[in-house]
PDB file of N, CA and C in Angstrom:
ATOM      1  N   UNK A   1       1.000   1.822  24.923  1.00  0.00           N
ATOM      2  CA  UNK A   1      -0.371   1.487  24.623  1.00  0.00           C
ATOM      3  C   UNK A   1      -1.107   2.696  24.047  1.00  0.00           C
ATOM      4  N   UNK A   2      -0.815   3.854  24.617  1.00  0.00           N
ATOM      5  CA  UNK A   2      -1.468   5.071  24.122  1.00  0.00           C
ATOM      6  C   UNK A   2      -1.081   5.339  22.673  1.00  0.00           C
ATOM      7  N   UNK A   3       0.209   5.119  22.326  1.00  0.00           N
ATOM      8  CA  UNK A   3       0.664   5.319  20.956  1.00  0.00           C
ATOM      9  C   UNK A   3      -0.062   4.355  20.018  1.00  0.00           C
ATOM     10  N   UNK A   4      -0.256   3.114  20.444  1.00  0.00           N
ATOM     11  CA  UNK A   4      -0.949   2.115  19.630  1.00  0.00           C
ATOM     12  C   UNK A   4      -2.392   2.547  19.370  1.00  0.00           C
ATOM     13  N   UNK A   5      -3.059   3.034  20.400  1.00  0.00           N
ATOM     14  CA  UNK A   5      -4.434   3.470  20.244  1.00  0.00           C
ATOM     15  C   UNK A   5      -4.516   4.667  19.310  1.00  0.00           C
ATOM     16  N   UNK A   6      -3.617   5.637  19.490  1.00  0.00           N
ATOM     17  CA  UNK A   6      -3.607   6.829  18.647  1.00  0.00           C
ATOM     18  C   UNK A   6      -3.318   6.456  17.193  1.00  0.00           C
ATOM     19  N   UNK A   7      -2.378   5.540  16.985  1.00  0.00           N
ATOM     20  CA  UNK A   7      -2.030   5.113  15.634  1.00  0.00           C
ATOM     21  C   UNK A   7      -3.209   4.423  14.957  1.00  0.00           C
ATOM     22  N   UNK A   8      -3.957   3.626  15.699  1.00  0.00           N
ATOM     23  CA  UNK A   8      -5.086   2.914  15.093  1.00  0.00           C
ATOM     24  C   UNK A   8      -6.217   3.857  14.694  1.00  0.00           C
ATOM     25  N   UNK A   9      -6.222   5.077  15.211  1.00  0.00           N
ATOM     26  CA  UNK A   9      -7.259   6.050  14.874  1.00  0.00           C
ATOM     27  C   UNK A   9      -6.847   6.993  13.741  1.00  0.00           C
ATOM     28  N   UNK A  10      -5.613   6.880  13.259  1.00  0.00           N
ATOM     29  CA  UNK A  10      -5.136   7.818  12.246  1.00  0.00           C
ATOM     30  C   UNK A  10      -5.809   7.569  10.914  1.00  0.00           C
ATOM     31  N   UNK A  11      -5.558   8.490  10.000  1.00  0.00           N
ATOM     32  CA  UNK A  11      -6.122   8.385   8.660  1.00  0.00           C
ATOM     33  C   UNK A  11      -5.599   7.135   7.953  1.00  0.00           C
ATOM     34  N   UNK A  12      -4.366   6.747   8.216  1.00  0.00           N
ATOM     35  CA  UNK A  12      -3.788   5.583   7.540  1.00  0.00           C
ATOM     36  C   UNK A  12      -4.523   4.296   7.901  1.00  0.00           C
ATOM     37  N   UNK A  13      -4.804   4.087   9.170  1.00  0.00           N
ATOM     38  CA  UNK A  13      -5.426   2.826   9.591  1.00  0.00           C
ATOM     39  C   UNK A  13      -6.945   2.914   9.671  1.00  0.00           C
ATOM     40  N   UNK A  14      -7.462   4.086   9.950  1.00  0.00           N
ATOM     41  CA  UNK A  14      -8.893   4.350   9.939  1.00  0.00           C
ATOM     42  C   UNK A  14      -9.735   3.366  10.742  1.00  0.00           C
ATOM     43  N   UNK A  15      -9.358   3.111  11.979  1.00  0.00           N
ATOM     44  CA  UNK A  15     -10.241   2.302  12.827  1.00  0.00           C
ATOM     45  C   UNK A  15     -11.267   3.251  13.410  1.00  0.00           C
ATOM     46  N   UNK A  16     -12.365   3.313  12.776  1.00  0.00           N
ATOM     47  CA  UNK A  16     -13.455   4.187  13.163  1.00  0.00           C
ATOM     48  C   UNK A  16     -14.670   3.322  13.486  1.00  0.00           C
ATOM     49  N   UNK A  17     -15.645   3.896  14.127  1.00  0.00           N
ATOM     50  CA  UNK A  17     -16.882   3.137  14.333  1.00  0.00           C
ATOM     51  C   UNK A  17     -17.476   2.781  12.965  1.00  0.00           C
ATOM     52  N   UNK A  18     -17.707   1.520  12.759  1.00  0.00           N
ATOM     53  CA  UNK A  18     -18.289   1.069  11.499  1.00  0.00           C
ATOM     54  C   UNK A  18     -19.681   0.541  11.781  1.00  0.00           C
ATOM     55  N   UNK A  19     -20.543   0.729  10.820  1.00  0.00           N
ATOM     56  CA  UNK A  19     -21.918   0.299  10.983  1.00  0.00           C
ATOM     57  C   UNK A  19     -22.049  -1.139  10.480  1.00  0.00           C
ATOM     58  N   UNK A  20     -21.750  -2.086  11.341  1.00  0.00           N
ATOM     59  CA  UNK A  20     -21.909  -3.499  10.994  1.00  0.00           C
ATOM     60  C   UNK A  20     -22.853  -4.134  11.995  1.00  0.00           C
ATOM     61  N   UNK A  21     -23.582  -5.106  11.522  1.00  0.00           N
ATOM     62  CA  UNK A  21     -24.565  -5.744  12.389  1.00  0.00           C
ATOM     63  C   UNK A  21     -24.102  -7.080  12.926  1.00  0.00           C
ATOM     64  N   UNK A  22     -23.139  -7.683  12.250  1.00  0.00           N
ATOM     65  CA  UNK A  22     -22.693  -9.002  12.669  1.00  0.00           C
ATOM     66  C   UNK A  22     -21.390  -8.894  13.449  1.00  0.00           C
ATOM     67  N   UNK A  23     -21.307  -9.649  14.521  1.00  0.00           N
ATOM     68  CA  UNK A  23     -20.119  -9.619  15.368  1.00  0.00           C
ATOM     69  C   UNK A  23     -18.883 -10.053  14.604  1.00  0.00           C
ATOM     70  N   UNK A  24     -19.010 -11.024  13.709  1.00  0.00           N
ATOM     71  CA  UNK A  24     -17.829 -11.498  12.965  1.00  0.00           C
ATOM     72  C   UNK A  24     -17.286 -10.416  12.033  1.00  0.00           C
ATOM     73  N   UNK A  25     -18.147  -9.566  11.514  1.00  0.00           N
ATOM     74  CA  UNK A  25     -17.673  -8.465  10.666  1.00  0.00           C
ATOM     75  C   UNK A  25     -16.942  -7.413  11.497  1.00  0.00           C
ATOM     76  N   UNK A  26     -17.446  -7.148  12.678  1.00  0.00           N
ATOM     77  CA  UNK A  26     -16.763  -6.219  13.580  1.00  0.00           C
ATOM     78  C   UNK A  26     -15.396  -6.771  13.953  1.00  0.00           C
ATOM     79  N   UNK A  27     -15.341  -8.061  14.313  1.00  0.00           N
ATOM     80  CA  UNK A  27     -14.055  -8.682  14.645  1.00  0.00           C
ATOM     81  C   UNK A  27     -13.122  -8.668  13.435  1.00  0.00           C
ATOM     82  N   UNK A  28     -13.675  -8.892  12.249  1.00  0.00           N
ATOM     83  CA  UNK A  28     -12.858  -8.853  11.033  1.00  0.00           C
ATOM     84  C   UNK A  28     -12.258  -7.480  10.798  1.00  0.00           C
ATOM     85  N   UNK A  29     -13.061  -6.440  11.005  1.00  0.00           N
ATOM     86  CA  UNK A  29     -12.571  -5.070  10.830  1.00  0.00           C
ATOM     87  C   UNK A  29     -11.453  -4.767  11.812  1.00  0.00           C
ATOM     88  N   UNK A  30     -11.660  -5.124  13.070  1.00  0.00           N
ATOM     89  CA  UNK A  30     -10.639  -4.866  14.089  1.00  0.00           C
ATOM     90  C   UNK A  30      -9.391  -5.695  13.802  1.00  0.00           C
ATOM     91  N   UNK A  31      -9.547  -6.929  13.328  1.00  0.00           N
ATOM     92  CA  UNK A  31      -8.391  -7.766  12.989  1.00  0.00           C
ATOM     93  C   UNK A  31      -7.549  -7.116  11.894  1.00  0.00           C
ATOM     94  N   UNK A  32      -8.202  -6.633  10.843  1.00  0.00           N
ATOM     95  CA  UNK A  32      -7.465  -5.998   9.742  1.00  0.00           C
ATOM     96  C   UNK A  32      -6.744  -4.741  10.218  1.00  0.00           C
ATOM     97  N   UNK A  33      -7.406  -3.938  11.061  1.00  0.00           N
ATOM     98  CA  UNK A  33      -6.772  -2.719  11.579  1.00  0.00           C
ATOM     99  C   UNK A  33      -5.580  -3.071  12.463  1.00  0.00           C
ATOM    100  N   UNK A  34      -5.714  -4.077  13.302  1.00  0.00           N
ATOM    101  CA  UNK A  34      -4.604  -4.473  14.181  1.00  0.00           C
ATOM    102  C   UNK A  34      -3.450  -5.063  13.371  1.00  0.00           C
ATOM    103  N   UNK A  35      -3.760  -5.803  12.305  1.00  0.00           N
ATOM    104  CA  UNK A  35      -2.716  -6.312  11.425  1.00  0.00           C
ATOM    105  C   UNK A  35      -1.983  -5.153  10.747  1.00  0.00           C
ATOM    106  N   UNK A  36      -2.730  -4.164  10.292  1.00  0.00           N
ATOM    107  CA  UNK A  36      -2.110  -2.975   9.691  1.00  0.00           C
ATOM    108  C   UNK A  36      -1.250  -2.242  10.712  1.00  0.00           C
ATOM    109  N   UNK A  37      -1.733  -2.161  11.950  1.00  0.00           N
ATOM    110  CA  UNK A  37      -0.952  -1.521  13.009  1.00  0.00           C
ATOM    111  C   UNK A  37       0.369  -2.255  13.208  1.00  0.00           C
ATOM    112  N   UNK A  38       0.323  -3.569  13.200  1.00  0.00           N
ATOM    113  CA  UNK A  38       1.542  -4.383  13.369  1.00  0.00           C
ATOM    114  C   UNK A  38       2.524  -4.115  12.225  1.00  0.00           C
ATOM    115  N   UNK A  39       2.004  -3.983  11.013  1.00  0.00           N
ATOM    116  CA  UNK A  39       2.864  -3.684   9.862  1.00  0.00           C
ATOM    117  C   UNK A  39       3.473  -2.292  10.012  1.00  0.00           C
ATOM    118  N   UNK A  40       2.682  -1.326  10.469  1.00  0.00           N
ATOM    119  CA  UNK A  40       3.193   0.038  10.685  1.00  0.00           C
ATOM    120  C   UNK A  40       4.329   0.017  11.696  1.00  0.00           C
ATOM    121  N   UNK A  41       4.151  -0.720  12.786  1.00  0.00           N
ATOM    122  CA  UNK A  41       5.220  -0.812  13.797  1.00  0.00           C
ATOM    123  C   UNK A  41       6.479  -1.443  13.225  1.00  0.00           C
ATOM    124  N   UNK A  42       6.307  -2.495  12.438  1.00  0.00           N
ATOM    125  CA  UNK A  42       7.462  -3.173  11.840  1.00  0.00           C
ATOM    126  C   UNK A  42       8.203  -2.233  10.892  1.00  0.00           C
ATOM    127  N   UNK A  43       7.458  -1.525  10.041  1.00  0.00           N
ATOM    128  CA  UNK A  43       8.090  -0.591   9.111  1.00  0.00           C
ATOM    129  C   UNK A  43       8.749   0.568   9.857  1.00  0.00           C
ATOM    130  N   UNK A  44       8.129   1.042  10.924  1.00  0.00           N
ATOM    131  CA  UNK A  44       8.733   2.129  11.709  1.00  0.00           C
ATOM    132  C   UNK A  44      10.093   1.695  12.249  1.00  0.00           C
ATOM    133  N   UNK A  45      10.188   0.461  12.710  1.00  0.00           N
ATOM    134  CA  UNK A  45      11.463  -0.043  13.212  1.00  0.00           C
ATOM    135  C   UNK A  45      12.493  -0.204  12.110  1.00  0.00           C
ATOM    136  N   UNK A  46      12.061  -0.725  10.974  1.00  0.00           N
ATOM    137  CA  UNK A  46      13.007  -0.961   9.876  1.00  0.00           C
ATOM    138  C   UNK A  46      13.426   0.327   9.175  1.00  0.00           C
ATOM    139  N   UNK A  47      12.560   1.331   9.167  1.00  0.00           N
ATOM    140  CA  UNK A  47      12.863   2.588   8.486  1.00  0.00           C
ATOM    141  C   UNK A  47      13.361   3.665   9.445  1.00  0.00           C
ATOM    142  N   UNK A  48      13.644   3.336  10.680  1.00  0.00           N
ATOM    143  CA  UNK A  48      14.045   4.355  11.657  1.00  0.00           C
ATOM    144  C   UNK A  48      15.344   5.062  11.265  1.00  0.00           C
ATOM    145  N   UNK A  49      16.253   4.369  10.587  1.00  0.00           N
ATOM    146  CA  UNK A  49      17.521   4.984  10.177  1.00  0.00           C
ATOM    147  C   UNK A  49      17.372   5.877   8.948  1.00  0.00           C
ATOM    148  N   UNK A  50      16.239   5.833   8.264  1.00  0.00           N
ATOM    149  CA  UNK A  50      16.060   6.588   7.020  1.00  0.00           C
ATOM    150  C   UNK A  50      15.506   7.989   7.248  1.00  0.00           C
ATOM    151  N   UNK A  51      15.223   8.343   8.503  1.00  0.00           N
ATOM    152  CA  UNK A  51      14.760   9.681   8.854  1.00  0.00           C
ATOM    153  C   UNK A  51      13.476  10.074   8.114  1.00  0.00           C
ATOM    154  N   UNK A  52      12.475   9.180   8.142  1.00  0.00           N
ATOM    155  CA  UNK A  52      11.170   9.494   7.603  1.00  0.00           C
ATOM    156  C   UNK A  52      10.111   8.708   8.359  1.00  0.00           C
ATOM    157  N   UNK A  53       8.889   9.180   8.292  1.00  0.00           N
ATOM    158  CA  UNK A  53       7.802   8.481   8.968  1.00  0.00           C
ATOM    159  C   UNK A  53       7.305   7.346   8.080  1.00  0.00           C
ATOM    160  N   UNK A  54       6.541   6.453   8.655  1.00  0.00           N
ATOM    161  CA  UNK A  54       5.965   5.354   7.876  1.00  0.00           C
ATOM    162  C   UNK A  54       5.021   5.924   6.820  1.00  0.00           C
ATOM    163  N   UNK A  55       4.261   6.932   7.185  1.00  0.00           N
ATOM    164  CA  UNK A  55       3.344   7.548   6.217  1.00  0.00           C
ATOM    165  C   UNK A  55       4.108   8.126   5.033  1.00  0.00           C
ATOM    166  N   UNK A  56       5.242   8.791   5.294  1.00  0.00           N
ATOM    167  CA  UNK A  56       6.057   9.338   4.205  1.00  0.00           C
ATOM    168  C   UNK A  56       6.634   8.219   3.340  1.00  0.00           C
ATOM    169  N   UNK A  57       7.079   7.137   3.984  1.00  0.00           N
ATOM    170  CA  UNK A  57       7.631   6.009   3.244  1.00  0.00           C
ATOM    171  C   UNK A  57       6.597   5.341   2.367  1.00  0.00           C
ATOM    172  N   UNK A  58       5.405   5.139   2.902  1.00  0.00           N
ATOM    173  CA  UNK A  58       4.338   4.524   2.103  1.00  0.00           C
ATOM    174  C   UNK A  58       3.937   5.448   0.963  1.00  0.00           C
ATOM    175  N   UNK A  59       3.881   6.747   1.233  1.00  0.00           N
ATOM    176  CA  UNK A  59       3.576   7.697   0.154  1.00  0.00           C
ATOM    177  C   UNK A  59       4.621   7.608  -0.957  1.00  0.00           C
ATOM    178  N   UNK A  60       5.870   7.468  -0.572  1.00  0.00           N
ATOM    179  CA  UNK A  60       6.945   7.325  -1.566  1.00  0.00           C
ATOM    180  C   UNK A  60       6.754   6.038  -2.375  1.00  0.00           C
ATOM    181  N   UNK A  61       6.354   4.968  -1.712  1.00  0.00           N
ATOM    182  CA  UNK A  61       6.159   3.693  -2.406  1.00  0.00           C
ATOM    183  C   UNK A  61       4.977   3.717  -3.365  1.00  0.00           C
ATOM    184  N   UNK A  62       4.032   4.633  -3.156  1.00  0.00           N
ATOM    185  CA  UNK A  62       2.881   4.692  -4.061  1.00  0.00           C
ATOM    186  C   UNK A  62       3.274   5.140  -5.460  1.00  0.00           C
ATOM    187  N   UNK A  63       4.473   5.684  -5.615  1.00  0.00           N
ATOM    188  CA  UNK A  63       4.916   6.109  -6.941  1.00  0.00           C
ATOM    189  C   UNK A  63       5.493   4.954  -7.749  1.00  0.00           C
ATOM    190  N   UNK A  64       5.675   3.807  -7.115  1.00  0.00           N
ATOM    191  CA  UNK A  64       6.163   2.627  -7.819  1.00  0.00           C
ATOM    192  C   UNK A  64       5.046   2.101  -8.721  1.00  0.00           C
ATOM    193  N   UNK A  65       5.379   1.770  -9.942  1.00  0.00           N
ATOM    194  CA  UNK A  65       4.350   1.332 -10.876  1.00  0.00           C
ATOM    195  C   UNK A  65       4.850   0.148 -11.699  1.00  0.00           C
ATOM    196  N   UNK A  66       3.971  -0.391 -12.509  1.00  0.00           N
ATOM    197  CA  UNK A  66       4.322  -1.492 -13.397  1.00  0.00           C
ATOM    198  C   UNK A  66       3.815  -1.153 -14.794  1.00  0.00           C
ATOM    199  N   UNK A  67       4.492  -1.675 -15.814  1.00  0.00           N
ATOM    200  CA  UNK A  67       4.110  -1.455 -17.200  1.00  0.00           C
ATOM    201  C   UNK A  67       3.497  -2.732 -17.745  1.00  0.00           C
ATOM    202  N   UNK A  68       2.294  -2.619 -18.275  1.00  0.00           N
ATOM    203  CA  UNK A  68       1.620  -3.787 -18.829  1.00  0.00           C
ATOM    204  C   UNK A  68       2.210  -4.126 -20.192  1.00  0.00           C
ATOM    205  N   UNK A  69       2.645  -5.369 -20.352  1.00  0.00           N
ATOM    206  CA  UNK A  69       3.238  -5.828 -21.606  1.00  0.00           C
ATOM    207  C   UNK A  69       2.156  -6.533 -22.419  1.00  0.00           C
ATOM    208  N   UNK A  70       1.966  -6.080 -23.664  1.00  0.00           N
ATOM    209  CA  UNK A  70       0.964  -6.673 -24.543  1.00  0.00           C
ATOM    210  C   UNK A  70       1.632  -7.567 -25.575  1.00  0.00           C
ATOM    211  N   UNK A  71       1.035  -8.728 -25.818  1.00  0.00           N
ATOM    212  CA  UNK A  71       1.477  -9.627 -26.877  1.00  0.00           C
ATOM    213  C   UNK A  71       0.253  -9.895 -27.743  1.00  0.00           C
ATOM    214  N   UNK A  72       0.355  -9.538 -29.022  1.00  0.00           N
ATOM    215  CA  UNK A  72      -0.776  -9.649 -29.950  1.00  0.00           C
ATOM    216  C   UNK A  72      -2.010  -8.918 -29.419  1.00  0.00           C
ATOM    217  N   UNK A  73      -1.798  -7.775 -28.801  1.00  0.00           N
ATOM    218  CA  UNK A  73      -2.882  -6.949 -28.306  1.00  0.00           C
ATOM    219  C   UNK A  73      -3.508  -7.410 -26.998  1.00  0.00           C
ATOM    220  N   UNK A  74      -3.004  -8.497 -26.420  1.00  0.00           N
ATOM    221  CA  UNK A  74      -3.557  -9.001 -25.168  1.00  0.00           C
ATOM    222  C   UNK A  74      -2.531  -8.843 -24.058  1.00  0.00           C
ATOM    223  N   UNK A  75      -2.990  -8.466 -22.841  1.00  0.00           N
ATOM    224  CA  UNK A  75      -2.046  -8.320 -21.730  1.00  0.00           C
ATOM    225  C   UNK A  75      -1.386  -9.647 -21.384  1.00  0.00           C
ATOM    226  N   UNK A  76      -0.064  -9.623 -21.306  1.00  0.00           N
ATOM    227  CA  UNK A  76       0.688 -10.848 -21.021  1.00  0.00           C
ATOM    228  C   UNK A  76       1.252 -10.844 -19.600  1.00  0.00           C
ATOM    229  N   UNK A  77       1.879  -9.721 -19.225  1.00  0.00           N
ATOM    230  CA  UNK A  77       2.447  -9.589 -17.883  1.00  0.00           C
ATOM    231  C   UNK A  77       2.659  -8.112 -17.592  1.00  0.00           C
ATOM    232  N   UNK A  78       3.042  -7.838 -16.361  1.00  0.00           N
ATOM    233  CA  UNK A  78       3.373  -6.476 -15.969  1.00  0.00           C
ATOM    234  C   UNK A  78       4.836  -6.443 -15.559  1.00  0.00           C
ATOM    235  N   UNK A  79       5.607  -5.585 -16.207  1.00  0.00           N
ATOM    236  CA  UNK A  79       7.027  -5.457 -15.912  1.00  0.00           C
ATOM    237  C   UNK A  79       7.227  -4.329 -14.916  1.00  0.00           C
ATOM    238  N   UNK A  80       8.003  -4.614 -13.895  1.00  0.00           N
ATOM    239  CA  UNK A  80       8.312  -3.611 -12.873  1.00  0.00           C
ATOM    240  C   UNK A  80       9.649  -2.966 -13.232  1.00  0.00           C
ATOM    241  N   UNK A  81       9.651  -1.659 -13.521  1.00  0.00           N
ATOM    242  CA  UNK A  81      10.914  -0.997 -13.859  1.00  0.00           C
ATOM    243  C   UNK A  81      11.828  -0.890 -12.650  1.00  0.00           C
ATOM    244  N   UNK A  82      13.068  -0.600 -12.897  1.00  0.00           N
ATOM    245  CA  UNK A  82      14.045  -0.418 -11.807  1.00  0.00           C
ATOM    246  C   UNK A  82      13.610   0.781 -10.969  1.00  0.00           C
ATOM    247  N   UNK A  83      13.354   0.584  -9.673  1.00  0.00           N
ATOM    248  CA  UNK A  83      12.905   1.707  -8.839  1.00  0.00           C
ATOM    249  C   UNK A  83      14.026   2.720  -8.619  1.00  0.00           C
ATOM    250  N   UNK A  84      13.636   3.960  -8.387  1.00  0.00           N
ATOM    251  CA  UNK A  84      14.636   4.995  -8.114  1.00  0.00           C
ATOM    252  C   UNK A  84      15.270   4.734  -6.748  1.00  0.00           C
ATOM    253  N   UNK A  85      16.336   5.435  -6.450  1.00  0.00           N
ATOM    254  CA  UNK A  85      17.159   5.133  -5.278  1.00  0.00           C
ATOM    255  C   UNK A  85      16.386   5.237  -3.957  1.00  0.00           C
ATOM    256  N   UNK A  86      15.490   6.221  -3.831  1.00  0.00           N
ATOM    257  CA  UNK A  86      14.755   6.375  -2.569  1.00  0.00           C
ATOM    258  C   UNK A  86      13.859   5.155  -2.306  1.00  0.00           C
ATOM    259  N   UNK A  87      13.240   4.636  -3.333  1.00  0.00           N
ATOM    260  CA  UNK A  87      12.393   3.447  -3.180  1.00  0.00           C
ATOM    261  C   UNK A  87      13.251   2.219  -2.939  1.00  0.00           C
ATOM    262  N   UNK A  88      14.392   2.133  -3.596  1.00  0.00           N
ATOM    263  CA  UNK A  88      15.311   1.008  -3.355  1.00  0.00           C
ATOM    264  C   UNK A  88      15.737   0.960  -1.896  1.00  0.00           C
ATOM    265  N   UNK A  89      16.021   2.128  -1.305  1.00  0.00           N
ATOM    266  CA  UNK A  89      16.407   2.187   0.113  1.00  0.00           C
ATOM    267  C   UNK A  89      15.283   1.668   1.010  1.00  0.00           C
ATOM    268  N   UNK A  90      14.053   2.107   0.729  1.00  0.00           N
ATOM    269  CA  UNK A  90      12.910   1.665   1.533  1.00  0.00           C
ATOM    270  C   UNK A  90      12.715   0.155   1.445  1.00  0.00           C
ATOM    271  N   UNK A  91      12.786  -0.373   0.233  1.00  0.00           N
ATOM    272  CA  UNK A  91      12.594  -1.811   0.036  1.00  0.00           C
ATOM    273  C   UNK A  91      13.714  -2.613   0.694  1.00  0.00           C
ATOM    274  N   UNK A  92      14.946  -2.126   0.564  1.00  0.00           N
ATOM    275  CA  UNK A  92      16.081  -2.832   1.165  1.00  0.00           C
ATOM    276  C   UNK A  92      15.962  -2.845   2.691  1.00  0.00           C
ATOM    277  N   UNK A  93      15.593  -1.702   3.269  1.00  0.00           N
ATOM    278  CA  UNK A  93      15.450  -1.628   4.724  1.00  0.00           C
ATOM    279  C   UNK A  93      14.327  -2.531   5.225  1.00  0.00           C
ATOM    280  N   UNK A  94      13.289  -2.730   4.401  1.00  0.00           N
ATOM    281  CA  UNK A  94      12.165  -3.589   4.783  1.00  0.00           C
ATOM    282  C   UNK A  94      12.404  -5.042   4.376  1.00  0.00           C
ATOM    283  N   UNK A  95      13.567  -5.328   3.792  1.00  0.00           N
ATOM    284  CA  UNK A  95      13.916  -6.680   3.323  1.00  0.00           C
ATOM    285  C   UNK A  95      12.913  -7.208   2.303  1.00  0.00           C
ATOM    286  N   UNK A  96      12.545  -6.339   1.362  1.00  0.00           N
ATOM    287  CA  UNK A  96      11.605  -6.720   0.298  1.00  0.00           C
ATOM    288  C   UNK A  96      12.355  -6.731  -1.023  1.00  0.00           C
ATOM    289  N   UNK A  97      12.200  -7.821  -1.763  1.00  0.00           N
ATOM    290  CA  UNK A  97      12.798  -7.929  -3.098  1.00  0.00           C
ATOM    291  C   UNK A  97      11.669  -8.020  -4.110  1.00  0.00           C
ATOM    292  N   UNK A  98      11.642  -7.082  -5.037  1.00  0.00           N
ATOM    293  CA  UNK A  98      10.590  -7.059  -6.046  1.00  0.00           C
ATOM    294  C   UNK A  98      10.886  -8.060  -7.154  1.00  0.00           C
ATOM    295  N   UNK A  99       9.849  -8.704  -7.683  1.00  0.00           N
ATOM    296  CA  UNK A  99      10.061  -9.555  -8.850  1.00  0.00           C
ATOM    297  C   UNK A  99      10.238  -8.676 -10.087  1.00  0.00           C
ATOM    298  N   UNK A 100      10.780  -9.238 -11.149  1.00  0.00           N
ATOM    299  CA  UNK A 100      10.937  -8.462 -12.389  1.00  0.00           C
ATOM    300  C   UNK A 100       9.604  -8.278 -13.095  1.00  0.00           C
ATOM    301  N   UNK A 101       8.758  -9.300 -13.030  1.00  0.00           N
ATOM    302  CA  UNK A 101       7.449  -9.227 -13.681  1.00  0.00           C
ATOM    303  C   UNK A 101       6.372  -9.782 -12.755  1.00  0.00           C
ATOM    304  N   UNK A 102       5.150  -9.383 -13.045  1.00  0.00           N
ATOM    305  CA  UNK A 102       3.981  -9.897 -12.343  1.00  0.00           C
ATOM    306  C   UNK A 102       3.041 -10.504 -13.379  1.00  0.00           C
ATOM    307  N   UNK A 103       2.375 -11.602 -13.050  1.00  0.00           N
ATOM    308  CA  UNK A 103       1.417 -12.151 -14.011  1.00  0.00           C
ATOM    309  C   UNK A 103       0.259 -11.186 -14.203  1.00  0.00           C
ATOM    310  N   UNK A 104      -0.276 -11.147 -15.392  1.00  0.00           N
ATOM    311  CA  UNK A 104      -1.397 -10.265 -15.698  1.00  0.00           C
ATOM    312  C   UNK A 104      -2.674 -11.088 -15.651  1.00  0.00           C
ATOM    313  N   UNK A 105      -3.473 -10.861 -14.641  1.00  0.00           N
ATOM    314  CA  UNK A 105      -4.714 -11.617 -14.443  1.00  0.00           C
ATOM    315  C   UNK A 105      -5.927 -10.866 -14.979  1.00  0.00           C
ATOM    316  N   UNK A 106      -5.730  -9.642 -15.476  1.00  0.00           N
ATOM    317  CA  UNK A 106      -6.851  -8.866 -15.991  1.00  0.00           C
ATOM    318  C   UNK A 106      -7.725  -8.266 -14.899  1.00  0.00           C
ATOM    319  N   UNK A 107      -7.209  -8.191 -13.694  1.00  0.00           N
ATOM    320  CA  UNK A 107      -7.974  -7.656 -12.569  1.00  0.00           C
ATOM    321  C   UNK A 107      -7.671  -6.165 -12.442  1.00  0.00           C
ATOM    322  N   UNK A 108      -8.709  -5.381 -12.352  1.00  0.00           N
ATOM    323  CA  UNK A 108      -8.549  -3.940 -12.160  1.00  0.00           C
ATOM    324  C   UNK A 108      -8.823  -3.614 -10.706  1.00  0.00           C
ATOM    325  N   UNK A 109      -7.971  -2.795 -10.114  1.00  0.00           N
ATOM    326  CA  UNK A 109      -8.128  -2.407  -8.721  1.00  0.00           C
ATOM    327  C   UNK A 109      -8.670  -0.990  -8.684  1.00  0.00           C
ATOM    328  N   UNK A 110      -9.744  -0.799  -7.940  1.00  0.00           N
ATOM    329  CA  UNK A 110     -10.332   0.530  -7.799  1.00  0.00           C
ATOM    330  C   UNK A 110      -9.935   1.101  -6.448  1.00  0.00           C
ATOM    331  N   UNK A 111      -9.729   2.388  -6.411  1.00  0.00           N
ATOM    332  CA  UNK A 111      -9.421   3.057  -5.157  1.00  0.00           C
ATOM    333  C   UNK A 111     -10.643   3.823  -4.690  1.00  0.00           C
ATOM    334  N   UNK A 112     -10.609   4.255  -3.444  1.00  0.00           N
ATOM    335  CA  UNK A 112     -11.718   5.057  -2.926  1.00  0.00           C
ATOM    336  C   UNK A 112     -11.752   6.429  -3.576  1.00  0.00           C
ATOM    337  N   UNK A 113     -10.598   6.916  -3.970  1.00  0.00           N
ATOM    338  CA  UNK A 113     -10.529   8.258  -4.541  1.00  0.00           C
ATOM    339  C   UNK A 113     -10.835   8.165  -6.031  1.00  0.00           C
ATOM    340  N   UNK A 114     -11.902   8.787  -6.455  1.00  0.00           N
ATOM    341  CA  UNK A 114     -12.305   8.754  -7.854  1.00  0.00           C
ATOM    342  C   UNK A 114     -11.669   9.922  -8.606  1.00  0.00           C
ATOM    343  N   UNK A 115     -11.203   9.650  -9.816  1.00  0.00           N
ATOM    344  CA  UNK A 115     -10.645  10.711 -10.644  1.00  0.00           C
ATOM    345  C   UNK A 115     -11.785  11.522 -11.242  1.00  0.00           C
ATOM    346  N   UNK A 116     -11.590  12.822 -11.380  1.00  0.00           N
ATOM    347  CA  UNK A 116     -12.658  13.640 -11.960  1.00  0.00           C
ATOM    348  C   UNK A 116     -12.893  13.271 -13.419  1.00  0.00           C
ATOM    349  N   UNK A 117     -14.139  13.317 -13.826  1.00  0.00           N
ATOM    350  CA  UNK A 117     -14.508  12.973 -15.208  1.00  0.00           C
ATOM    351  C   UNK A 117     -13.908  13.948 -16.222  1.00  0.00           C
ATOM    352  N   UNK A 118     -13.775  15.203 -15.837  1.00  0.00           N
ATOM    353  CA  UNK A 118     -13.326  16.227 -16.776  1.00  0.00           C
ATOM    354  C   UNK A 118     -11.835  16.517 -16.647  1.00  0.00           C
ATOM    355  N   UNK A 119     -11.041  15.533 -16.270  1.00  0.00           N
ATOM    356  CA  UNK A 119      -9.606  15.778 -16.106  1.00  0.00           C
ATOM    357  C   UNK A 119      -8.940  15.920 -17.467  1.00  0.00           C
ATOM    358  N   UNK A 120      -7.822  16.577 -17.479  1.00  0.00           N
ATOM    359  CA  UNK A 120      -7.073  16.830 -18.706  1.00  0.00           C
ATOM    360  C   UNK A 120      -6.254  15.580 -19.025  1.00  0.00           C
ATOM    361  N   UNK A 121      -6.410  15.050 -20.225  1.00  0.00           N
ATOM    362  CA  UNK A 121      -5.613  13.899 -20.646  1.00  0.00           C
ATOM    363  C   UNK A 121      -4.506  14.385 -21.548  1.00  0.00           C
ATOM    364  N   UNK A 122      -3.354  13.811 -21.393  1.00  0.00           N
ATOM    365  CA  UNK A 122      -2.194  14.250 -22.184  1.00  0.00           C
ATOM    366  C   UNK A 122      -1.696  13.124 -23.016  1.00  0.00           C
TER     367      UNK A 122
END
């Protein structure tokens, strides 16, 4: 139980005091954190033979990307390239099979971490 509580307070799950006024929002926040905790436990069990932490495994998975395929200048789909061996091991241990392509819905995902405006483009 102590490990579960400590894990829910880590940077990965971020169950912190949130400023919400409605009880359903508080319950929603705790539900999402507990669901994430359950996923962390599942991945820890499945990746135990790979000699890495769940945080290290997830960090490794963040390098997986997709290439947007354009047809007549419009996005058609996103092709997932063949992952490198370390990512293949993680996916296999978690029993995850990636599709070859993903539909392109034109949705952009923003992260909390903003890129600097004056970054060097290559």
